[in-house]
Amino acid sequence: MRRIKPGSPGECPTEHTLKVIGGSWKLPLVYFLFQGTKRYSEVQRRLHGISPRMLSKQLRELERDGLIQRKVYPEIPPKVEYSLTPSGCSLSPIVEALFKWGERHMASGPTANS
């Protein structure tokens, strides 16, 4: 696949999609938010193994790319909630297809590349 400058008119749509949802934690984050609005602490408890720094980074990137929205309540201690935007919700069929593919692939046993 040839490399084209991101954001240019010739950018490959697949590359753009992977740039937005790629990363170790973005898809699990989006998948968890399909269940509804969640507080930061709920997300952190659900995603075992993610550091607070990485979680904050991934959430900021998803917000920047318009997939999630962040709502801050003016109280002490601060209450922050995350939910999917309409654009984030539109990922549902894609994420569900990846989930089902993963289930089938895992059930088929080890591959030659493992």
Protein backbone atom coordinates (compact mmCIF):
# COMPACT_ATOMS: atom_id res chain seq x y z
CA MET A 1 0.00 0.00 0.00
CA ARG A 2 1.49 3.33 -0.94
CA ARG A 3 1.85 5.96 1.75
CA ILE A 4 0.02 9.22 1.23
CA LYS A 5 0.20 12.18 3.57
CA PRO A 6 -2.60 11.88 6.18
CA GLY A 7 -5.48 14.22 5.49
CA SER A 8 -4.56 14.67 1.83
CA PRO A 9 -7.21 14.06 -0.85
CA GLY A 10 -5.48 10.83 -1.87
CA GLU A 11 -5.35 9.32 1.61
CA CYS A 12 -6.56 5.72 1.70
CA PRO A 13 -9.83 5.43 3.67
CA THR A 14 -8.58 2.25 5.33
CA GLU A 15 -5.44 4.01 6.54
CA HIS A 16 -7.56 6.85 7.90
CA THR A 17 -9.86 4.43 9.74
CA LEU A 18 -6.93 2.56 11.29
CA LYS A 19 -5.32 5.86 12.30
CA VAL A 20 -8.50 6.83 14.18
CA ILE A 21 -9.34 3.49 15.84
CA GLY A 22 -5.91 1.86 15.84
CA GLY A 23 -4.03 1.23 19.04
CA SER A 24 -4.16 -1.35 21.76
CA TRP A 25 -6.98 0.22 23.76
CA LYS A 26 -9.22 2.27 21.46
CA LEU A 27 -11.44 -0.56 20.25
CA PRO A 28 -11.92 -2.02 23.75
CA LEU A 29 -12.78 1.50 24.96
CA VAL A 30 -15.33 2.03 22.22
CA TYR A 31 -16.75 -1.46 22.73
CA PHE A 32 -17.22 -0.80 26.46
CA LEU A 33 -18.88 2.56 25.78
CA PHE A 34 -21.48 0.84 23.57
CA GLN A 35 -23.04 -0.13 26.91
CA GLY A 36 -23.64 3.53 27.75
CA THR A 37 -22.09 6.51 29.50
CA LYS A 38 -19.27 5.61 31.87
CA ARG A 39 -17.19 7.43 34.44
CA TYR A 40 -13.40 7.42 34.17
CA SER A 41 -13.06 5.05 37.14
CA GLU A 42 -15.51 2.56 35.58
CA VAL A 43 -13.51 2.50 32.36
CA GLN A 44 -10.25 2.06 34.24
CA ARG A 45 -11.62 -0.86 36.28
CA ARG A 46 -12.98 -2.58 33.18
CA LEU A 47 -9.81 -2.35 31.10
CA HIS A 48 -7.34 -4.45 33.07
CA GLY A 49 -3.73 -3.61 32.39
CA ILE A 50 -4.12 -0.07 31.05
CA SER A 51 -2.14 2.58 32.87
CA PRO A 52 -3.88 5.82 33.89
CA ARG A 53 -1.59 7.73 31.56
CA MET A 54 -2.42 5.52 28.57
CA LEU A 55 -6.15 5.60 29.36
CA SER A 56 -6.13 9.39 29.46
CA LYS A 57 -4.17 9.54 26.20
CA GLN A 58 -6.51 7.16 24.38
CA LEU A 59 -9.61 8.96 25.68
CA ARG A 60 -8.19 12.33 24.55
CA GLU A 61 -7.44 10.95 21.08
CA LEU A 62 -10.93 9.45 20.73
CA GLU A 63 -12.42 12.76 21.83
CA ARG A 64 -10.20 14.70 19.42
CA ASP A 65 -11.32 12.44 16.57
CA GLY A 66 -14.99 12.96 17.45
CA LEU A 67 -15.79 9.40 18.56
CA ILE A 68 -16.46 10.12 22.23
CA GLN A 69 -17.59 13.10 24.22
CA ARG A 70 -16.37 14.09 27.65
CA LYS A 71 -18.65 15.77 30.14
CA VAL A 72 -17.18 17.40 33.25
CA TYR A 73 -19.47 18.17 36.17
CA PRO A 74 -18.46 21.19 38.28
CA GLU A 75 -18.25 19.49 41.65
CA ILE A 76 -15.57 18.39 44.08
CA PRO A 77 -14.14 15.88 43.51
CA PRO A 78 -14.57 16.39 39.76
CA LYS A 79 -16.94 14.00 38.04
CA VAL A 80 -16.13 13.16 34.42
CA GLU A 81 -18.26 10.99 32.14
CA TYR A 82 -17.53 9.59 28.70
CA SER A 83 -20.03 8.58 26.06
CA LEU A 84 -20.03 7.83 22.35
CA THR A 85 -20.93 10.49 19.82
CA PRO A 86 -23.12 9.57 16.84
CA SER A 87 -19.88 9.04 14.89
CA GLY A 88 -18.63 6.68 17.60
CA CYS A 89 -21.94 4.79 17.61
CA SER A 90 -21.62 4.33 13.86
CA LEU A 91 -18.63 2.05 14.55
CA SER A 92 -20.94 -0.57 16.06
CA PRO A 93 -21.21 -2.85 12.99
CA ILE A 94 -17.46 -2.64 12.39
CA VAL A 95 -16.52 -3.43 15.98
CA GLU A 96 -19.11 -6.21 16.19
CA ALA A 97 -17.72 -7.77 12.99
CA LEU A 98 -14.17 -7.62 14.39
CA PHE A 99 -15.38 -9.20 17.64
CA LYS A 100 -17.09 -12.07 15.80
CA TRP A 101 -14.09 -12.60 13.54
CA GLY A 102 -11.85 -12.77 16.62
CA GLU A 103 -14.12 -15.33 18.27
CA ARG A 104 -14.06 -17.55 15.18
CA HIS A 105 -10.31 -17.14 14.73
CA MET A 106 -9.59 -17.97 18.38
CA ALA A 107 -11.86 -21.03 18.23
CA SER A 108 -10.01 -22.37 15.18
CA GLY A 109 -6.86 -22.85 17.27
CA PRO A 110 -3.29 -21.73 16.80
CA THR A 111 -2.22 -20.51 13.39
CA ALA A 112 0.95 -21.32 11.53
CA ASN A 113 2.28 -17.84 12.42
CA SER A 114 1.82 -18.30 16.20
